[in-house]
Amino acid sequence: MQDPTFDGRALINGRRVAAASAQVFDCVSPVDGRVLTQVARCDAADVDLAVAAARAAFEDHRWSGMAPAQRKRVMVRFADLVQQHGDELALTETLDMGKPVKYARAVDVNSAANCLRWYGEATDKVYDEIAPTPRTALALITREPVGVVGVIVPWNYPMIMAAWKIAPALAAGNSVVLKPSEKSPLTALRLAELALEAGIPEGVFNVVPGYGAEAGSPLALHMDVDCIAFTGSTRVGKQIHVMAGQSNLKRAWTELGGKSPNIVFADCPNLDRAVQAAVGSIFFNQGESCNAPSRLFVEASIKERFLEKALALVPAYAPANPTHADTVMGALVDQVQMNTVLGYIASGKAEGAKLLAGGGQALAETGGCYVEPTIFDGVKPEMTIAREEIFGPVLSVLSFTDTADVVRQANASVYGLQAGVWTADLNKAHGVARALRAGTVHVNQYDEDDITVPFGGYKQSGVGRDKSLHAFDKYTETKTTWIRIDSPV
């Protein structure tokens, strides 16, 4: 299809509007460096307008007051529209942040639509509770929407991350103000238009693009926002929690960084599958995934054979134009991120890791932001590339000989988002999985989970869980109503 045209204006109270200041910023494609459009540079004034619209929509019950079955039908229609506009949304995502269009369509569009549909279907299927009481009482335990939910999402999976938050928030009856990343704002704005078309009332779902300090901070600090949900870096996530406390003690939920360990034991039941998962998962989405298995621990006795197989796969991940149908690794989101990743690669070399593949910029002549798929061997736990989140196509390989020691190394991180374990020994699989301090542990696969299970982390990987019915906990208040019954019979 032809490149779509883009409207970079905010969407507030059901209408496309320029920023109150009339300021804009360029939305630059990492594919080739071209300017896609100019986007409204929203600030505190625009956030105030969006929050006021969301509050008015919540207080007059135009959405929360709908019967659950009616809200369900609207949410399902929203999901249908996302699918119907899937090609347009996928190409928009690709041009905006650089991922291969085939994955933007097959993964991002489908996952976002599925998330909207799943929470929509759950709307009239989640029951409240009645507590056991004496005959003289009736105790109701009910969930109620928190009110106005602020959402701030990153640039690596713009549609999916937005859906993970807005779907349960909307399904629960809240109003939402979404601040997408300034590096990838376009699909969020289009989603808001599709939500209106689906029947979500004006003011219920608002989108304010802009920079973090100018639009994100005012949203997190806003005294009339009841809850803030954030996905992004641990550094900014800590600031979100501080701002929530400094303002109105709004509920703050964060899904943050990761440095996920992937542990392959010598008794791995399928070495080829383990290799494919290790390589494919770190290079998928150009390595720009918070749960990427960036620390690969391979038992020493099989490491050479494992690396031989891994290196044979690397050429298939050569970066290419992500708008081409056969591309499997595209561009990093922008020049800043590309230079950050190249800086980490330089650090790995300087600290003594052995570069086995990649290590440089690719396709510089295109004006895009491409980095070669990179593998380091001989990585030590104290090296920077083994400790810090790189957010790029860089795999650090470490070896081990002792189970207890590899678990200790895997847990020796400020993060605890995800982990992988490969072994044919059921006792070892259970024991290691229980010992790993991570929100999700994959056994003999990596990333095969779905919307039915929660996603989030331990330690500095965040607070709260996305996905599954557990996500409703973030966007609802629990109320107890105790009723005295003086029965005549």
Foldseek 3Di string as FASTA:
>chain_A
DDQDAFDQAWAAQNDGDAAPVNDWDFQAFQLFGDTRDTHHAHFLVVLVRLLVLQQVCLVVLPQVVDDLLVQLQLLLQLLVVLLVCLLNLLSLLCRLFNAFSQCSRVPLSNQLSVLSNVLSVCLVVDDWDWDDDPPQKTKTKDKAFQEEEEEEEESLRQRNSVSLAVRLQSSRPYAYEYEYALSRQTSLRVSVVSSVVSPDGGSRYIYDYHHCVGHVLSNLQPQSHQEYEYEEALVVLVVSCVSCVVHNVHHYWYFHAAQAAEEEEPQFPDLLQSLCQLQLQCPASQNQDRRRNQEYEYAPVCVVVSVVSNVVCQVLQFEDSSHDNSHRHIFGSDPVLLVLLLVLLVQCVVVPWAKDDFNAAPPVVSNHHGGGQTETEPDDCVGPSNADRSSGNYHYYDYDHDLVVVLVSSQPYQWAFEYEYGHPDPVSQVVSVVSRQHPYYHYSHPPPDGQQDWGHTPGSSIHATTGHPSSSVRGIDIDMDMGGHPDPD
